[in-house]
Amino acid sequence: MAKKHKFIASITQMTKNGAPVYAGCEHYSGEAVFTSTFNTCYFDGVTLIKIKGGGINDSNYKCEESGESYRVMKFKKLQ
């Protein structure tokens, strides 16, 4: 089984023009699990897939189910 990485991460949902979706609440912080290649992130029941080459609006991951863009920043390694 491939190794997984756990981080405290900040997840921000982005709009198409590059602004955070919720102006008053810029991000969610919590435990995120990444695959060994960091191509997939699991956070609060949402599966995020890495955008190759970066997203249009400073996003770096995309929701697998809905296609919404997210900016994911890792802060502290837990495991």
PDB file of N, CA and C in Angstrom:
ATOM      1  N   MET A   1       0.840  -1.194   0.000  1.00  0.00           N
ATOM      2  CA  MET A   1       0.000   0.000   0.000  1.00  0.00           C
ATOM      3  C   MET A   1       0.876   1.245   0.000  1.00  0.00           C
ATOM      4  N   ALA A   2       0.508   2.215  -0.797  1.00  0.00           N
ATOM      5  CA  ALA A   2       1.278   3.457  -0.907  1.00  0.00           C
ATOM      6  C   ALA A   2       1.196   4.249   0.382  1.00  0.00           C
ATOM      7  N   LYS A   3       2.274   4.932   0.684  1.00  0.00           N
ATOM      8  CA  LYS A   3       2.328   5.745   1.889  1.00  0.00           C
ATOM      9  C   LYS A   3       1.453   6.982   1.733  1.00  0.00           C
ATOM     10  N   LYS A   4       0.753   7.338   2.800  1.00  0.00           N
ATOM     11  CA  LYS A   4      -0.082   8.544   2.829  1.00  0.00           C
ATOM     12  C   LYS A   4       0.591   9.557   3.754  1.00  0.00           C
ATOM     13  N   HIS A   5       0.382  10.825   3.480  1.00  0.00           N
ATOM     14  CA  HIS A   5       0.940  11.912   4.283  1.00  0.00           C
ATOM     15  C   HIS A   5      -0.200  12.701   4.910  1.00  0.00           C
ATOM     16  N   LYS A   6      -0.076  12.972   6.214  1.00  0.00           N
ATOM     17  CA  LYS A   6      -1.082  13.784   6.910  1.00  0.00           C
ATOM     18  C   LYS A   6      -0.483  15.138   7.239  1.00  0.00           C
ATOM     19  N   PHE A   7      -1.242  16.189   6.932  1.00  0.00           N
ATOM     20  CA  PHE A   7      -0.818  17.560   7.197  1.00  0.00           C
ATOM     21  C   PHE A   7      -1.969  18.343   7.803  1.00  0.00           C
ATOM     22  N   ILE A   8      -1.631  19.352   8.594  1.00  0.00           N
ATOM     23  CA  ILE A   8      -2.596  20.399   8.896  1.00  0.00           C
ATOM     24  C   ILE A   8      -2.557  21.299   7.664  1.00  0.00           C
ATOM     25  N   ALA A   9      -3.712  21.513   7.047  1.00  0.00           N
ATOM     26  CA  ALA A   9      -3.756  22.252   5.791  1.00  0.00           C
ATOM     27  C   ALA A   9      -4.825  23.329   5.833  1.00  0.00           C
ATOM     28  N   SER A  10      -4.645  24.315   4.978  1.00  0.00           N
ATOM     29  CA  SER A  10      -5.634  25.371   4.764  1.00  0.00           C
ATOM     30  C   SER A  10      -6.222  25.154   3.383  1.00  0.00           C
ATOM     31  N   ILE A  11      -7.553  25.058   3.299  1.00  0.00           N
ATOM     32  CA  ILE A  11      -8.246  24.801   2.042  1.00  0.00           C
ATOM     33  C   ILE A  11      -9.153  25.998   1.754  1.00  0.00           C
ATOM     34  N   THR A  12      -8.974  26.628   0.603  1.00  0.00           N
ATOM     35  CA  THR A  12      -9.788  27.771   0.204  1.00  0.00           C
ATOM     36  C   THR A  12     -10.483  27.457  -1.111  1.00  0.00           C
ATOM     37  N   GLN A  13     -11.812  27.564  -1.138  1.00  0.00           N
ATOM     38  CA  GLN A  13     -12.545  27.384  -2.391  1.00  0.00           C
ATOM     39  C   GLN A  13     -12.459  28.675  -3.174  1.00  0.00           C
ATOM     40  N   MET A  14     -12.123  28.589  -4.469  1.00  0.00           N
ATOM     41  CA  MET A  14     -11.894  29.774  -5.298  1.00  0.00           C
ATOM     42  C   MET A  14     -13.017  29.957  -6.314  1.00  0.00           C
ATOM     43  N   THR A  15     -13.292  31.219  -6.664  1.00  0.00           N
ATOM     44  CA  THR A  15     -14.248  31.523  -7.729  1.00  0.00           C
ATOM     45  C   THR A  15     -13.496  31.551  -9.062  1.00  0.00           C
ATOM     46  N   LYS A  16     -14.224  31.705 -10.144  1.00  0.00           N
ATOM     47  CA  LYS A  16     -13.598  31.727 -11.468  1.00  0.00           C
ATOM     48  C   LYS A  16     -12.713  32.958 -11.683  1.00  0.00           C
ATOM     49  N   ASN A  17     -12.964  34.043 -10.935  1.00  0.00           N
ATOM     50  CA  ASN A  17     -12.126  35.239 -11.104  1.00  0.00           C
ATOM     51  C   ASN A  17     -10.968  35.286 -10.106  1.00  0.00           C
ATOM     52  N   GLY A  18     -10.768  34.228  -9.325  1.00  0.00           N
ATOM     53  CA  GLY A  18      -9.606  34.133  -8.455  1.00  0.00           C
ATOM     54  C   GLY A  18      -9.813  34.576  -7.026  1.00  0.00           C
ATOM     55  N   ALA A  19     -11.015  34.979  -6.660  1.00  0.00           N
ATOM     56  CA  ALA A  19     -11.291  35.406  -5.293  1.00  0.00           C
ATOM     57  C   ALA A  19     -11.826  34.226  -4.481  1.00  0.00           C
ATOM     58  N   PRO A  20     -11.605  34.240  -3.172  1.00  0.00           N
ATOM     59  CA  PRO A  20     -12.219  33.199  -2.344  1.00  0.00           C
ATOM     60  C   PRO A  20     -13.737  33.270  -2.438  1.00  0.00           C
ATOM     61  N   VAL A  21     -14.405  32.124  -2.388  1.00  0.00           N
ATOM     62  CA  VAL A  21     -15.862  32.078  -2.522  1.00  0.00           C
ATOM     63  C   VAL A  21     -16.540  32.799  -1.369  1.00  0.00           C
ATOM     64  N   TYR A  22     -16.082  32.559  -0.148  1.00  0.00           N
ATOM     65  CA  TYR A  22     -16.706  33.162   1.032  1.00  0.00           C
ATOM     66  C   TYR A  22     -15.831  34.297   1.526  1.00  0.00           C
ATOM     67  N   ALA A  23     -16.263  35.517   1.306  1.00  0.00           N
ATOM     68  CA  ALA A  23     -15.441  36.687   1.643  1.00  0.00           C
ATOM     69  C   ALA A  23     -15.125  36.765   3.134  1.00  0.00           C
ATOM     70  N   GLY A  24     -16.069  36.445   3.992  1.00  0.00           N
ATOM     71  CA  GLY A  24     -15.835  36.539   5.433  1.00  0.00           C
ATOM     72  C   GLY A  24     -15.055  35.367   5.992  1.00  0.00           C
ATOM     73  N   CYS A  25     -15.118  34.242   5.329  1.00  0.00           N
ATOM     74  CA  CYS A  25     -14.430  33.030   5.779  1.00  0.00           C
ATOM     75  C   CYS A  25     -13.506  32.585   4.649  1.00  0.00           C
ATOM     76  N   GLU A  26     -12.253  32.982   4.717  1.00  0.00           N
ATOM     77  CA  GLU A  26     -11.347  32.753   3.605  1.00  0.00           C
ATOM     78  C   GLU A  26     -10.911  31.310   3.438  1.00  0.00           C
ATOM     79  N   HIS A  27     -10.851  30.542   4.518  1.00  0.00           N
ATOM     80  CA  HIS A  27     -10.360  29.182   4.360  1.00  0.00           C
ATOM     81  C   HIS A  27     -10.849  28.272   5.483  1.00  0.00           C
ATOM     82  N   TYR A  28     -10.705  26.990   5.240  1.00  0.00           N
ATOM     83  CA  TYR A  28     -10.962  25.968   6.247  1.00  0.00           C
ATOM     84  C   TYR A  28      -9.619  25.374   6.618  1.00  0.00           C
ATOM     85  N   SER A  29      -9.394  25.169   7.896  1.00  0.00           N
ATOM     86  CA  SER A  29      -8.156  24.542   8.346  1.00  0.00           C
ATOM     87  C   SER A  29      -8.497  23.224   9.007  1.00  0.00           C
ATOM     88  N   GLY A  30      -7.639  22.253   8.805  1.00  0.00           N
ATOM     89  CA  GLY A  30      -7.849  20.965   9.430  1.00  0.00           C
ATOM     90  C   GLY A  30      -6.905  19.928   8.874  1.00  0.00           C
ATOM     91  N   GLU A  31      -7.154  18.679   9.241  1.00  0.00           N
ATOM     92  CA  GLU A  31      -6.295  17.589   8.829  1.00  0.00           C
ATOM     93  C   GLU A  31      -6.637  17.144   7.413  1.00  0.00           C
ATOM     94  N   ALA A  32      -5.629  17.079   6.573  1.00  0.00           N
ATOM     95  CA  ALA A  32      -5.791  16.613   5.196  1.00  0.00           C
ATOM     96  C   ALA A  32      -4.840  15.452   4.971  1.00  0.00           C
ATOM     97  N   VAL A  33      -5.267  14.480   4.192  1.00  0.00           N
ATOM     98  CA  VAL A  33      -4.439  13.324   3.865  1.00  0.00           C
ATOM     99  C   VAL A  33      -4.111  13.400   2.385  1.00  0.00           C
ATOM    100  N   PHE A  34      -2.829  13.240   2.072  1.00  0.00           N
ATOM    101  CA  PHE A  34      -2.344  13.289   0.699  1.00  0.00           C
ATOM    102  C   PHE A  34      -1.764  11.932   0.317  1.00  0.00           C
ATOM    103  N   THR A  35      -1.894  11.578  -0.973  1.00  0.00           N
ATOM    104  CA  THR A  35      -1.236  10.367  -1.456  1.00  0.00           C
ATOM    105  C   THR A  35       0.266  10.621  -1.495  1.00  0.00           C
ATOM    106  N   SER A  36       1.048   9.579  -1.713  1.00  0.00           N
ATOM    107  CA  SER A  36       2.511   9.709  -1.689  1.00  0.00           C
ATOM    108  C   SER A  36       3.032  10.664  -2.760  1.00  0.00           C
ATOM    109  N   THR A  37       2.318  10.803  -3.858  1.00  0.00           N
ATOM    110  CA  THR A  37       2.742  11.711  -4.937  1.00  0.00           C
ATOM    111  C   THR A  37       2.117  13.102  -4.815  1.00  0.00           C
ATOM    112  N   PHE A  38       1.253  13.313  -3.819  1.00  0.00           N
ATOM    113  CA  PHE A  38       0.538  14.571  -3.585  1.00  0.00           C
ATOM    114  C   PHE A  38      -0.409  14.924  -4.737  1.00  0.00           C
ATOM    115  N   ASN A  39      -0.785  13.948  -5.562  1.00  0.00           N
ATOM    116  CA  ASN A  39      -1.727  14.190  -6.653  1.00  0.00           C
ATOM    117  C   ASN A  39      -3.172  14.180  -6.183  1.00  0.00           C
ATOM    118  N   THR A  40      -3.444  13.592  -5.017  1.00  0.00           N
ATOM    119  CA  THR A  40      -4.791  13.531  -4.466  1.00  0.00           C
ATOM    120  C   THR A  40      -4.762  13.961  -3.015  1.00  0.00           C
ATOM    121  N   CYS A  41      -5.759  14.754  -2.622  1.00  0.00           N
ATOM    122  CA  CYS A  41      -5.898  15.238  -1.249  1.00  0.00           C
ATOM    123  C   CYS A  41      -7.301  14.878  -0.760  1.00  0.00           C
ATOM    124  N   TYR A  42      -7.384  14.345   0.442  1.00  0.00           N
ATOM    125  CA  TYR A  42      -8.669  14.018   1.052  1.00  0.00           C
ATOM    126  C   TYR A  42      -8.857  14.944   2.245  1.00  0.00           C
ATOM    127  N   PHE A  43      -9.948  15.716   2.221  1.00  0.00           N
ATOM    128  CA  PHE A  43     -10.200  16.690   3.282  1.00  0.00           C
ATOM    129  C   PHE A  43     -11.695  16.759   3.556  1.00  0.00           C
ATOM    130  N   ASP A  44     -12.096  16.444   4.770  1.00  0.00           N
ATOM    131  CA  ASP A  44     -13.482  16.584   5.212  1.00  0.00           C
ATOM    132  C   ASP A  44     -14.477  15.924   4.246  1.00  0.00           C
ATOM    133  N   GLY A  45     -14.157  14.725   3.790  1.00  0.00           N
ATOM    134  CA  GLY A  45     -15.050  13.975   2.915  1.00  0.00           C
ATOM    135  C   GLY A  45     -15.017  14.385   1.454  1.00  0.00           C
ATOM    136  N   VAL A  46     -14.123  15.302   1.097  1.00  0.00           N
ATOM    137  CA  VAL A  46     -14.005  15.772  -0.280  1.00  0.00           C
ATOM    138  C   VAL A  46     -12.692  15.238  -0.865  1.00  0.00           C
ATOM    139  N   THR A  47     -12.750  14.753  -2.096  1.00  0.00           N
ATOM    140  CA  THR A  47     -11.553  14.286  -2.795  1.00  0.00           C
ATOM    141  C   THR A  47     -11.117  15.361  -3.776  1.00  0.00           C
ATOM    142  N   LEU A  48      -9.888  15.862  -3.589  1.00  0.00           N
ATOM    143  CA  LEU A  48      -9.339  16.912  -4.444  1.00  0.00           C
ATOM    144  C   LEU A  48      -8.209  16.335  -5.289  1.00  0.00           C
ATOM    145  N   ILE A  49      -8.221  16.642  -6.584  1.00  0.00           N
ATOM    146  CA  ILE A  49      -7.232  16.154  -7.528  1.00  0.00           C
ATOM    147  C   ILE A  49      -6.319  17.311  -7.938  1.00  0.00           C
ATOM    148  N   LYS A  50      -5.003  17.061  -7.946  1.00  0.00           N
ATOM    149  CA  LYS A  50      -4.017  18.086  -8.320  1.00  0.00           C
ATOM    150  C   LYS A  50      -4.239  18.549  -9.757  1.00  0.00           C
ATOM    151  N   ILE A  51      -4.197  19.876  -9.964  1.00  0.00           N
ATOM    152  CA  ILE A  51      -4.294  20.455 -11.302  1.00  0.00           C
ATOM    153  C   ILE A  51      -2.876  20.529 -11.862  1.00  0.00           C
ATOM    154  N   LYS A  52      -2.614  19.817 -12.922  1.00  0.00           N
ATOM    155  CA  LYS A  52      -1.287  19.818 -13.544  1.00  0.00           C
ATOM    156  C   LYS A  52      -0.991  21.191 -14.142  1.00  0.00           C
ATOM    157  N   GLY A  53       0.140  21.769 -13.785  1.00  0.00           N
ATOM    158  CA  GLY A  53       0.519  23.080 -14.306  1.00  0.00           C
ATOM    159  C   GLY A  53      -0.119  24.242 -13.578  1.00  0.00           C
ATOM    160  N   GLY A  54      -0.944  23.988 -12.569  1.00  0.00           N
ATOM    161  CA  GLY A  54      -1.593  25.049 -11.808  1.00  0.00           C
ATOM    162  C   GLY A  54      -2.898  25.500 -12.432  1.00  0.00           C
ATOM    163  N   GLY A  55      -3.782  26.004 -11.596  1.00  0.00           N
ATOM    164  CA  GLY A  55      -5.091  26.452 -12.056  1.00  0.00           C
ATOM    165  C   GLY A  55      -5.067  27.891 -12.536  1.00  0.00           C
ATOM    166  N   ILE A  56      -6.130  28.307 -13.148  1.00  0.00           N
ATOM    167  CA  ILE A  56      -6.246  29.655 -13.707  1.00  0.00           C
ATOM    168  C   ILE A  56      -6.254  30.707 -12.603  1.00  0.00           C
ATOM    169  N   ASN A  57      -6.952  30.431 -11.526  1.00  0.00           N
ATOM    170  CA  ASN A  57      -7.173  31.450 -10.499  1.00  0.00           C
ATOM    171  C   ASN A  57      -6.376  31.177  -9.228  1.00  0.00           C
ATOM    172  N   ASP A  58      -5.131  30.792  -9.363  1.00  0.00           N
ATOM    173  CA  ASP A  58      -4.244  30.505  -8.237  1.00  0.00           C
ATOM    174  C   ASP A  58      -4.675  29.256  -7.483  1.00  0.00           C
ATOM    175  N   SER A  59      -5.544  28.457  -8.068  1.00  0.00           N
ATOM    176  CA  SER A  59      -5.944  27.209  -7.433  1.00  0.00           C
ATOM    177  C   SER A  59      -4.949  26.119  -7.831  1.00  0.00           C
ATOM    178  N   ASN A  60      -4.822  25.101  -6.972  1.00  0.00           N
ATOM    179  CA  ASN A  60      -3.903  24.024  -7.290  1.00  0.00           C
ATOM    180  C   ASN A  60      -4.555  22.643  -7.215  1.00  0.00           C
ATOM    181  N   TYR A  61      -5.802  22.570  -6.759  1.00  0.00           N
ATOM    182  CA  TYR A  61      -6.544  21.314  -6.715  1.00  0.00           C
ATOM    183  C   TYR A  61      -7.964  21.548  -7.222  1.00  0.00           C
ATOM    184  N   LYS A  62      -8.587  20.477  -7.687  1.00  0.00           N
ATOM    185  CA  LYS A  62      -9.959  20.542  -8.198  1.00  0.00           C
ATOM    186  C   LYS A  62     -10.757  19.412  -7.553  1.00  0.00           C
ATOM    187  N   CYS A  63     -11.999  19.705  -7.164  1.00  0.00           N
ATOM    188  CA  CYS A  63     -12.870  18.710  -6.564  1.00  0.00           C
ATOM    189  C   CYS A  63     -13.220  17.653  -7.607  1.00  0.00           C
ATOM    190  N   GLU A  64     -13.034  16.388  -7.256  1.00  0.00           N
ATOM    191  CA  GLU A  64     -13.300  15.293  -8.182  1.00  0.00           C
ATOM    192  C   GLU A  64     -14.788  15.202  -8.523  1.00  0.00           C
ATOM    193  N   GLU A  65     -15.660  15.456  -7.548  1.00  0.00           N
ATOM    194  CA  GLU A  65     -17.102  15.313  -7.751  1.00  0.00           C
ATOM    195  C   GLU A  65     -17.730  16.508  -8.462  1.00  0.00           C
ATOM    196  N   SER A  66     -17.408  17.724  -8.025  1.00  0.00           N
ATOM    197  CA  SER A  66     -18.097  18.920  -8.532  1.00  0.00           C
ATOM    198  C   SER A  66     -17.294  19.729  -9.545  1.00  0.00           C
ATOM    199  N   GLY A  67     -15.986  19.537  -9.594  1.00  0.00           N
ATOM    200  CA  GLY A  67     -15.149  20.314 -10.502  1.00  0.00           C
ATOM    201  C   GLY A  67     -14.779  21.691  -9.983  1.00  0.00           C
ATOM    202  N   GLU A  68     -15.149  22.029  -8.737  1.00  0.00           N
ATOM    203  CA  GLU A  68     -14.822  23.341  -8.163  1.00  0.00           C
ATOM    204  C   GLU A  68     -13.321  23.432  -7.882  1.00  0.00           C
ATOM    205  N   SER A  69     -12.781  24.638  -7.971  1.00  0.00           N
ATOM    206  CA  SER A  69     -11.349  24.874  -7.764  1.00  0.00           C
ATOM    207  C   SER A  69     -11.058  25.204  -6.306  1.00  0.00           C
ATOM    208  N   TYR A  70      -9.909  24.734  -5.825  1.00  0.00           N
ATOM    209  CA  TYR A  70      -9.472  24.972  -4.451  1.00  0.00           C
ATOM    210  C   TYR A  70      -8.000  25.323  -4.422  1.00  0.00           C
ATOM    211  N   ARG A  71      -7.622  26.122  -3.438  1.00  0.00           N
ATOM    212  CA  ARG A  71      -6.221  26.413  -3.135  1.00  0.00           C
ATOM    213  C   ARG A  71      -5.896  25.660  -1.859  1.00  0.00           C
ATOM    214  N   VAL A  72      -4.915  24.759  -1.914  1.00  0.00           N
ATOM    215  CA  VAL A  72      -4.533  23.932  -0.761  1.00  0.00           C
ATOM    216  C   VAL A  72      -3.115  24.319  -0.355  1.00  0.00           C
ATOM    217  N   MET A  73      -2.948  24.645   0.940  1.00  0.00           N
ATOM    218  CA  MET A  73      -1.631  24.970   1.478  1.00  0.00           C
ATOM    219  C   MET A  73      -1.359  24.067   2.669  1.00  0.00           C
ATOM    220  N   LYS A  74      -0.207  23.408   2.672  1.00  0.00           N
ATOM    221  CA  LYS A  74       0.190  22.526   3.767  1.00  0.00           C
ATOM    222  C   LYS A  74       0.980  23.344   4.796  1.00  0.00           C
ATOM    223  N   PHE A  75       0.676  23.111   6.088  1.00  0.00           N
ATOM    224  CA  PHE A  75       1.371  23.850   7.142  1.00  0.00           C
ATOM    225  C   PHE A  75       2.286  22.989   7.987  1.00  0.00           C
ATOM    226  N   LYS A  76       1.739  21.911   8.530  1.00  0.00           N
ATOM    227  CA  LYS A  76       2.504  21.115   9.484  1.00  0.00           C
ATOM    228  C   LYS A  76       2.274  19.647   9.222  1.00  0.00           C
ATOM    229  N   LYS A  77       3.351  18.886   9.101  1.00  0.00           N
ATOM    230  CA  LYS A  77       3.244  17.449   8.858  1.00  0.00           C
ATOM    231  C   LYS A  77       2.881  16.749  10.171  1.00  0.00           C
ATOM    232  N   LEU A  78       1.886  15.863  10.110  1.00  0.00           N
ATOM    233  CA  LEU A  78       1.434  15.147  11.293  1.00  0.00           C
ATOM    234  C   LEU A  78       2.002  13.737  11.378  1.00  0.00           C
ATOM    235  N   GLN A  79       2.352  13.148  10.262  1.00  0.00           N
ATOM    236  CA  GLN A  79       2.776  11.752  10.261  1.00  0.00           C
ATOM    237  C   GLN A  79       3.952  11.545   9.349  1.00  0.00           C
TER     238      GLN A  79
END
